[in-house]
PDB file of N, CA and C in Angstrom:
ATOM      1  N   MET A   1     -28.405  16.640  29.470  1.00  0.00           N
ATOM      2  CA  MET A   1     -29.535  15.720  28.715  1.00  0.00           C
ATOM      3  C   MET A   1     -28.640  14.869  27.582  1.00  0.00           C
ATOM      4  N   LYS A   2     -28.838  13.574  27.465  1.00  0.00           N
ATOM      5  CA  LYS A   2     -28.256  12.798  26.431  1.00  0.00           C
ATOM      6  C   LYS A   2     -29.463  12.065  25.435  1.00  0.00           C
ATOM      7  N   ASN A   3     -29.085  11.815  24.299  1.00  0.00           N
ATOM      8  CA  ASN A   3     -29.904  10.632  23.393  1.00  0.00           C
ATOM      9  C   ASN A   3     -31.163  11.530  23.164  1.00  0.00           C
ATOM     10  N   ILE A   4     -31.038  12.641  22.726  1.00  0.00           N
ATOM     11  CA  ILE A   4     -32.544  13.387  22.340  1.00  0.00           C
ATOM     12  C   ILE A   4     -32.872  13.036  21.205  1.00  0.00           C
ATOM     13  N   THR A   5     -34.082  12.452  21.155  1.00  0.00           N
ATOM     14  CA  THR A   5     -34.858  12.242  20.017  1.00  0.00           C
ATOM     15  C   THR A   5     -36.137  13.094  19.823  1.00  0.00           C
ATOM     16  N   GLN A   6     -36.806  13.393  18.358  1.00  0.00           N
ATOM     17  CA  GLN A   6     -37.835  13.847  18.468  1.00  0.00           C
ATOM     18  C   GLN A   6     -39.035  13.268  17.849  1.00  0.00           C
ATOM     19  N   HIS A   7     -40.281  13.309  18.342  1.00  0.00           N
ATOM     20  CA  HIS A   7     -41.421  12.799  18.048  1.00  0.00           C
ATOM     21  C   HIS A   7     -42.503  13.273  17.687  1.00  0.00           C
ATOM     22  N   THR A   8     -43.584  13.204  17.051  1.00  0.00           N
ATOM     23  CA  THR A   8     -44.581  13.980  16.697  1.00  0.00           C
ATOM     24  C   THR A   8     -45.874  12.815  16.960  1.00  0.00           C
ATOM     25  N   GLY A   9     -46.951  13.185  17.617  1.00  0.00           N
ATOM     26  CA  GLY A   9     -48.148  12.822  17.750  1.00  0.00           C
ATOM     27  C   GLY A   9     -49.186  13.608  18.594  1.00  0.00           C
ATOM     28  N   LYS A  10     -50.016  12.791  19.333  1.00  0.00           N
ATOM     29  CA  LYS A  10     -50.844  13.116  20.394  1.00  0.00           C
ATOM     30  C   LYS A  10     -50.176  12.960  21.870  1.00  0.00           C
ATOM     31  N   ILE A  11     -50.370  13.690  22.762  1.00  0.00           N
ATOM     32  CA  ILE A  11     -49.963  13.021  24.087  1.00  0.00           C
ATOM     33  C   ILE A  11     -50.880  12.732  24.970  1.00  0.00           C
ATOM     34  N   ARG A  12     -50.566  11.406  25.783  1.00  0.00           N
ATOM     35  CA  ARG A  12     -51.594  10.989  26.789  1.00  0.00           C
ATOM     36  C   ARG A  12     -51.159  10.786  27.990  1.00  0.00           C
ATOM     37  N   LEU A  13     -52.019  11.171  28.856  1.00  0.00           N
ATOM     38  CA  LEU A  13     -51.566  11.065  30.363  1.00  0.00           C
ATOM     39  C   LEU A  13     -51.530   9.562  30.847  1.00  0.00           C
ATOM     40  N   ILE A  14     -50.564   9.370  31.392  1.00  0.00           N
ATOM     41  CA  ILE A  14     -50.144   7.790  31.923  1.00  0.00           C
ATOM     42  C   ILE A  14     -50.531   7.980  33.581  1.00  0.00           C
ATOM     43  N   GLU A  15     -49.771   8.721  34.131  1.00  0.00           N
ATOM     44  CA  GLU A  15     -49.993   9.091  35.468  1.00  0.00           C
ATOM     45  C   GLU A  15     -49.576  10.179  36.118  1.00  0.00           C
ATOM     46  N   ARG A  16     -50.129  10.929  36.818  1.00  0.00           N
ATOM     47  CA  ARG A  16     -49.731  12.140  37.805  1.00  0.00           C
ATOM     48  C   ARG A  16     -48.867  11.616  38.827  1.00  0.00           C
ATOM     49  N   MET A  17     -47.709  12.024  38.667  1.00  0.00           N
ATOM     50  CA  MET A  17     -46.563  11.747  39.703  1.00  0.00           C
ATOM     51  C   MET A  17     -46.357  12.699  40.933  1.00  0.00           C
ATOM     52  N   PRO A  18     -45.862  12.121  42.169  1.00  0.00           N
ATOM     53  CA  PRO A  18     -46.148  13.292  42.853  1.00  0.00           C
ATOM     54  C   PRO A  18     -45.315  14.808  42.826  1.00  0.00           C
ATOM     55  N   GLN A  19     -45.811  15.591  43.421  1.00  0.00           N
ATOM     56  CA  GLN A  19     -45.259  17.042  43.093  1.00  0.00           C
ATOM     57  C   GLN A  19     -43.826  17.053  43.516  1.00  0.00           C
ATOM     58  N   SER A  20     -43.131  18.405  42.945  1.00  0.00           N
ATOM     59  CA  SER A  20     -41.750  18.502  43.553  1.00  0.00           C
ATOM     60  C   SER A  20     -41.888  19.121  44.872  1.00  0.00           C
ATOM     61  N   ARG A  21     -40.716  19.205  45.462  1.00  0.00           N
ATOM     62  CA  ARG A  21     -40.780  19.743  46.790  1.00  0.00           C
ATOM     63  C   ARG A  21     -41.140  21.362  46.823  1.00  0.00           C
ATOM     64  N   ASN A  22     -40.968  21.917  45.800  1.00  0.00           N
ATOM     65  CA  ASN A  22     -41.527  23.375  45.564  1.00  0.00           C
ATOM     66  C   ASN A  22     -43.046  23.426  45.080  1.00  0.00           C
ATOM     67  N   GLY A  23     -43.654  22.086  44.938  1.00  0.00           N
ATOM     68  CA  GLY A  23     -45.215  21.990  44.848  1.00  0.00           C
ATOM     69  C   GLY A  23     -45.389  22.225  43.407  1.00  0.00           C
ATOM     70  N   ASN A  24     -44.556  21.969  42.555  1.00  0.00           N
ATOM     71  CA  ASN A  24     -44.853  21.931  40.988  1.00  0.00           C
ATOM     72  C   ASN A  24     -45.462  20.744  40.483  1.00  0.00           C
ATOM     73  N   PRO A  25     -46.273  20.795  39.655  1.00  0.00           N
ATOM     74  CA  PRO A  25     -46.736  19.180  39.311  1.00  0.00           C
ATOM     75  C   PRO A  25     -45.831  18.433  38.237  1.00  0.00           C
ATOM     76  N   ARG A  26     -45.874  17.182  38.348  1.00  0.00           N
ATOM     77  CA  ARG A  26     -45.111  16.447  37.343  1.00  0.00           C
ATOM     78  C   ARG A  26     -46.031  15.165  36.729  1.00  0.00           C
ATOM     79  N   TYR A  27     -45.865  14.850  35.587  1.00  0.00           N
ATOM     80  CA  TYR A  27     -46.611  14.093  34.772  1.00  0.00           C
ATOM     81  C   TYR A  27     -45.635  12.933  34.287  1.00  0.00           C
ATOM     82  N   LEU A  28     -46.198  11.528  34.151  1.00  0.00           N
ATOM     83  CA  LEU A  28     -45.709  10.517  33.157  1.00  0.00           C
ATOM     84  C   LEU A  28     -46.824  10.432  32.156  1.00  0.00           C
ATOM     85  N   CYS A  29     -46.329  10.585  31.114  1.00  0.00           N
ATOM     86  CA  CYS A  29     -47.069  10.822  29.916  1.00  0.00           C
ATOM     87  C   CYS A  29     -46.613   9.751  28.521  1.00  0.00           C
ATOM     88  N   ALA A  30     -47.159   9.792  27.486  1.00  0.00           N
ATOM     89  CA  ALA A  30     -46.780   9.041  26.119  1.00  0.00           C
ATOM     90  C   ALA A  30     -47.058  10.180  25.243  1.00  0.00           C
ATOM     91  N   ILE A  31     -46.206   9.815  24.232  1.00  0.00           N
ATOM     92  CA  ILE A  31     -46.619  10.633  22.802  1.00  0.00           C
ATOM     93  C   ILE A  31     -46.834   9.438  21.957  1.00  0.00           C
ATOM     94  N   MET A  32     -48.090   9.489  21.534  1.00  0.00           N
ATOM     95  CA  MET A  32     -48.690   8.237  20.394  1.00  0.00           C
ATOM     96  C   MET A  32     -48.415   8.743  18.970  1.00  0.00           C
ATOM     97  N   ASP A  33     -47.743   7.983  18.105  1.00  0.00           N
ATOM     98  CA  ASP A  33     -47.380   8.206  16.574  1.00  0.00           C
ATOM     99  C   ASP A  33     -48.702   8.457  16.134  1.00  0.00           C
ATOM    100  N   SER A  34     -48.783   9.481  15.479  1.00  0.00           N
ATOM    101  CA  SER A  34     -50.109   9.568  14.642  1.00  0.00           C
ATOM    102  C   SER A  34     -50.316   8.518  13.372  1.00  0.00           C
ATOM    103  N   SER A  35     -49.419   8.103  12.887  1.00  0.00           N
ATOM    104  CA  SER A  35     -49.628   7.327  11.939  1.00  0.00           C
ATOM    105  C   SER A  35     -49.792   5.555  12.309  1.00  0.00           C
ATOM    106  N   TYR A  36     -49.197   5.400  13.682  1.00  0.00           N
ATOM    107  CA  TYR A  36     -49.424   3.988  13.951  1.00  0.00           C
ATOM    108  C   TYR A  36     -50.260   4.040  15.234  1.00  0.00           C
ATOM    109  N   GLN A  37     -51.354   3.404  15.555  1.00  0.00           N
ATOM    110  CA  GLN A  37     -52.387   3.510  16.840  1.00  0.00           C
ATOM    111  C   GLN A  37     -51.562   3.001  18.152  1.00  0.00           C
ATOM    112  N   ASP A  38     -50.798   2.028  18.046  1.00  0.00           N
ATOM    113  CA  ASP A  38     -49.996   1.326  19.090  1.00  0.00           C
ATOM    114  C   ASP A  38     -48.853   1.652  19.472  1.00  0.00           C
ATOM    115  N   LEU A  39     -48.169   2.907  18.701  1.00  0.00           N
ATOM    116  CA  LEU A  39     -46.602   2.987  18.810  1.00  0.00           C
ATOM    117  C   LEU A  39     -46.484   4.258  19.653  1.00  0.00           C
ATOM    118  N   GLY A  40     -45.827   4.342  20.611  1.00  0.00           N
ATOM    119  CA  GLY A  40     -45.336   5.316  21.325  1.00  0.00           C
ATOM    120  C   GLY A  40     -44.367   5.522  22.539  1.00  0.00           C
ATOM    121  N   TRP A  41     -43.938   6.323  22.885  1.00  0.00           N
ATOM    122  CA  TRP A  41     -42.788   6.554  23.851  1.00  0.00           C
ATOM    123  C   TRP A  41     -43.229   7.373  24.996  1.00  0.00           C
ATOM    124  N   THR A  42     -42.903   6.787  26.248  1.00  0.00           N
ATOM    125  CA  THR A  42     -43.191   7.322  27.501  1.00  0.00           C
ATOM    126  C   THR A  42     -42.195   8.250  27.951  1.00  0.00           C
ATOM    127  N   PHE A  43     -42.453   9.327  28.631  1.00  0.00           N
ATOM    128  CA  PHE A  43     -41.587  10.275  29.227  1.00  0.00           C
ATOM    129  C   PHE A  43     -41.931  10.766  30.287  1.00  0.00           C
ATOM    130  N   ARG A  44     -41.269  11.661  31.319  1.00  0.00           N
ATOM    131  CA  ARG A  44     -41.996  12.418  32.327  1.00  0.00           C
ATOM    132  C   ARG A  44     -41.432  13.813  32.161  1.00  0.00           C
ATOM    133  N   THR A  45     -42.108  14.714  32.969  1.00  0.00           N
ATOM    134  CA  THR A  45     -41.785  15.959  32.868  1.00  0.00           C
ATOM    135  C   THR A  45     -40.563  16.176  33.912  1.00  0.00           C
ATOM    136  N   GLN A  46     -39.696  17.314  33.631  1.00  0.00           N
ATOM    137  CA  GLN A  46     -38.701  17.664  34.660  1.00  0.00           C
ATOM    138  C   GLN A  46     -39.134  18.167  35.837  1.00  0.00           C
ATOM    139  N   VAL A  47     -38.503  17.961  36.998  1.00  0.00           N
ATOM    140  CA  VAL A  47     -38.606  18.606  38.406  1.00  0.00           C
ATOM    141  C   VAL A  47     -38.649  20.100  38.089  1.00  0.00           C
ATOM    142  N   ASP A  48     -39.723  20.845  38.670  1.00  0.00           N
ATOM    143  CA  ASP A  48     -39.534  22.259  38.540  1.00  0.00           C
ATOM    144  C   ASP A  48     -39.576  23.135  37.442  1.00  0.00           C
ATOM    145  N   SER A  49     -40.005  22.281  36.258  1.00  0.00           N
ATOM    146  CA  SER A  49     -39.908  22.966  34.912  1.00  0.00           C
ATOM    147  C   SER A  49     -41.313  23.698  34.623  1.00  0.00           C
ATOM    148  N   SER A  50     -41.296  24.743  33.718  1.00  0.00           N
ATOM    149  CA  SER A  50     -42.708  24.823  33.211  1.00  0.00           C
ATOM    150  C   SER A  50     -43.634  24.171  32.461  1.00  0.00           C
ATOM    151  N   HIS A  51     -42.742  22.814  31.878  1.00  0.00           N
ATOM    152  CA  HIS A  51     -43.715  21.706  31.134  1.00  0.00           C
ATOM    153  C   HIS A  51     -44.713  21.252  32.056  1.00  0.00           C
ATOM    154  N   GLY A  52     -44.510  21.038  33.115  1.00  0.00           N
ATOM    155  CA  GLY A  52     -45.536  20.549  34.198  1.00  0.00           C
ATOM    156  C   GLY A  52     -46.977  21.229  34.083  1.00  0.00           C
ATOM    157  N   TYR A  53     -46.718  22.649  33.856  1.00  0.00           N
ATOM    158  CA  TYR A  53     -48.287  23.277  33.730  1.00  0.00           C
ATOM    159  C   TYR A  53     -48.437  23.213  32.066  1.00  0.00           C
ATOM    160  N   GLU A  54     -47.531  23.040  31.093  1.00  0.00           N
ATOM    161  CA  GLU A  54     -47.715  23.589  29.673  1.00  0.00           C
ATOM    162  C   GLU A  54     -48.312  21.916  28.937  1.00  0.00           C
ATOM    163  N   VAL A  55     -48.014  20.926  29.630  1.00  0.00           N
ATOM    164  CA  VAL A  55     -48.324  19.479  29.133  1.00  0.00           C
ATOM    165  C   VAL A  55     -49.684  19.180  29.348  1.00  0.00           C
ATOM    166  N   PRO A  56     -50.437  19.598  30.483  1.00  0.00           N
ATOM    167  CA  PRO A  56     -51.994  19.200  30.474  1.00  0.00           C
ATOM    168  C   PRO A  56     -52.857  19.631  29.369  1.00  0.00           C
ATOM    169  N   ASN A  57     -52.328  20.991  29.015  1.00  0.00           N
ATOM    170  CA  ASN A  57     -53.349  21.582  27.980  1.00  0.00           C
ATOM    171  C   ASN A  57     -53.213  20.679  26.666  1.00  0.00           C
ATOM    172  N   TYR A  58     -52.556  19.944  26.427  1.00  0.00           N
ATOM    173  CA  TYR A  58     -52.496  18.957  25.507  1.00  0.00           C
ATOM    174  C   TYR A  58     -53.358  17.132  25.460  1.00  0.00           C
ATOM    175  N   PHE A  59     -53.323  16.973  26.923  1.00  0.00           N
ATOM    176  CA  PHE A  59     -53.912  15.758  26.868  1.00  0.00           C
ATOM    177  C   PHE A  59     -55.217  15.555  26.449  1.00  0.00           C
ATOM    178  N   ASN A  60     -55.402  14.608  25.653  1.00  0.00           N
ATOM    179  CA  ASN A  60     -56.717  13.923  25.217  1.00  0.00           C
ATOM    180  C   ASN A  60     -57.245  14.868  24.173  1.00  0.00           C
ATOM    181  N   SER A  61     -56.458  15.610  23.374  1.00  0.00           N
ATOM    182  CA  SER A  61     -56.779  16.715  22.321  1.00  0.00           C
ATOM    183  C   SER A  61     -56.471  16.019  21.017  1.00  0.00           C
ATOM    184  N   ASP A  62     -57.048  16.769  20.115  1.00  0.00           N
ATOM    185  CA  ASP A  62     -56.564  16.392  18.560  1.00  0.00           C
ATOM    186  C   ASP A  62     -55.778  17.161  18.123  1.00  0.00           C
ATOM    187  N   ILE A  63     -54.753  17.807  19.008  1.00  0.00           N
ATOM    188  CA  ILE A  63     -53.773  18.694  18.608  1.00  0.00           C
ATOM    189  C   ILE A  63     -52.531  17.795  18.439  1.00  0.00           C
ATOM    190  N   ASP A  64     -51.753  17.887  17.245  1.00  0.00           N
ATOM    191  CA  ASP A  64     -50.444  17.084  17.181  1.00  0.00           C
ATOM    192  C   ASP A  64     -49.518  17.991  17.665  1.00  0.00           C
ATOM    193  N   VAL A  65     -48.641  17.262  18.458  1.00  0.00           N
ATOM    194  CA  VAL A  65     -47.281  18.012  19.052  1.00  0.00           C
ATOM    195  C   VAL A  65     -46.010  17.594  18.785  1.00  0.00           C
ATOM    196  N   THR A  66     -44.976  18.410  18.623  1.00  0.00           N
ATOM    197  CA  THR A  66     -43.633  17.567  18.413  1.00  0.00           C
ATOM    198  C   THR A  66     -42.863  17.809  19.746  1.00  0.00           C
ATOM    199  N   VAL A  67     -42.382  16.740  20.311  1.00  0.00           N
ATOM    200  CA  VAL A  67     -41.717  16.860  21.590  1.00  0.00           C
ATOM    201  C   VAL A  67     -40.363  16.314  21.245  1.00  0.00           C
ATOM    202  N   THR A  68     -39.397  16.921  22.027  1.00  0.00           N
ATOM    203  CA  THR A  68     -37.877  16.296  22.246  1.00  0.00           C
ATOM    204  C   THR A  68     -37.960  15.727  23.613  1.00  0.00           C
ATOM    205  N   ILE A  69     -37.340  14.487  23.528  1.00  0.00           N
ATOM    206  CA  ILE A  69     -37.271  13.618  24.561  1.00  0.00           C
ATOM    207  C   ILE A  69     -35.948  13.285  24.887  1.00  0.00           C
ATOM    208  N   GLY A  70     -35.016  13.148  25.985  1.00  0.00           N
ATOM    209  CA  GLY A  70     -33.852  12.476  26.142  1.00  0.00           C
ATOM    210  C   GLY A  70     -33.727  11.828  27.637  1.00  0.00           C
ATOM    211  N   THR A  71     -32.764  11.133  27.661  1.00  0.00           N
ATOM    212  CA  THR A  71     -32.211  10.429  29.128  1.00  0.00           C
ATOM    213  C   THR A  71     -31.755  11.642  30.081  1.00  0.00           C
ATOM    214  N   HIS A  72     -32.327  11.695  31.337  1.00  0.00           N
ATOM    215  CA  HIS A  72     -31.793  12.382  32.467  1.00  0.00           C
ATOM    216  C   HIS A  72     -31.691  11.624  33.379  1.00  0.00           C
ATOM    217  N   TYR A  73     -30.546  11.382  34.051  1.00  0.00           N
ATOM    218  CA  TYR A  73     -30.572  10.666  35.157  1.00  0.00           C
ATOM    219  C   TYR A  73     -31.053   9.349  35.125  1.00  0.00           C
ATOM    220  N   GLY A  74     -31.138   8.883  33.910  1.00  0.00           N
ATOM    221  CA  GLY A  74     -31.755   7.295  33.667  1.00  0.00           C
ATOM    222  C   GLY A  74     -33.036   7.353  33.526  1.00  0.00           C
ATOM    223  N   ASN A  75     -33.626   8.493  33.368  1.00  0.00           N
ATOM    224  CA  ASN A  75     -35.128   8.836  32.843  1.00  0.00           C
ATOM    225  C   ASN A  75     -35.280   9.503  31.674  1.00  0.00           C
ATOM    226  N   THR A  76     -36.157   8.884  31.016  1.00  0.00           N
ATOM    227  CA  THR A  76     -36.821   9.420  29.849  1.00  0.00           C
ATOM    228  C   THR A  76     -37.446  10.641  30.228  1.00  0.00           C
ATOM    229  N   THR A  77     -36.913  12.001  29.771  1.00  0.00           N
ATOM    230  CA  THR A  77     -37.390  13.284  30.075  1.00  0.00           C
ATOM    231  C   THR A  77     -37.826  13.956  29.223  1.00  0.00           C
ATOM    232  N   LEU A  78     -38.931  14.975  29.114  1.00  0.00           N
ATOM    233  CA  LEU A  78     -39.359  15.674  28.206  1.00  0.00           C
ATOM    234  C   LEU A  78     -38.419  16.897  28.213  1.00  0.00           C
ATOM    235  N   ASN A  79     -37.861  17.203  26.957  1.00  0.00           N
ATOM    236  CA  ASN A  79     -36.884  18.248  26.797  1.00  0.00           C
ATOM    237  C   ASN A  79     -37.487  19.752  26.359  1.00  0.00           C
ATOM    238  N   SER A  80     -38.246  19.285  25.362  1.00  0.00           N
ATOM    239  CA  SER A  80     -39.268  20.553  24.570  1.00  0.00           C
ATOM    240  C   SER A  80     -40.475  19.966  24.005  1.00  0.00           C
ATOM    241  N   ILE A  81     -41.563  20.871  24.062  1.00  0.00           N
ATOM    242  CA  ILE A  81     -42.887  20.797  23.405  1.00  0.00           C
ATOM    243  C   ILE A  81     -43.265  21.759  22.581  1.00  0.00           C
ATOM    244  N   SER A  82     -43.890  21.517  21.523  1.00  0.00           N
ATOM    245  CA  SER A  82     -44.610  22.857  20.430  1.00  0.00           C
ATOM    246  C   SER A  82     -45.343  22.087  19.487  1.00  0.00           C
ATOM    247  N   LYS A  83     -46.412  23.022  19.183  1.00  0.00           N
ATOM    248  CA  LYS A  83     -47.578  22.088  18.018  1.00  0.00           C
ATOM    249  C   LYS A  83     -46.628  21.894  16.846  1.00  0.00           C
ATOM    250  N   ALA A  84     -47.333  20.719  16.367  1.00  0.00           N
ATOM    251  CA  ALA A  84     -46.616  20.276  15.207  1.00  0.00           C
ATOM    252  C   ALA A  84     -47.199  21.461  14.051  1.00  0.00           C
TER     253      ALA A  84
END
């Protein structure tokens, strides 16, 4: 993974993507900056990663999270997630 950046804010669901061949969930999400209402970065969860099971816990909640996202095969992809 290249070009890794760190962002803090709230996670919003954009779209549930087709599951992987092994049946694991995938999501297209956005991290919305808590200080700016309309500023955000979109990313997707990795194929066959445990992030597909962890990310839905933060959808539409008041919990701020810190994520690192990077470029993986030309797509912006979630690298790590933790509570802020």
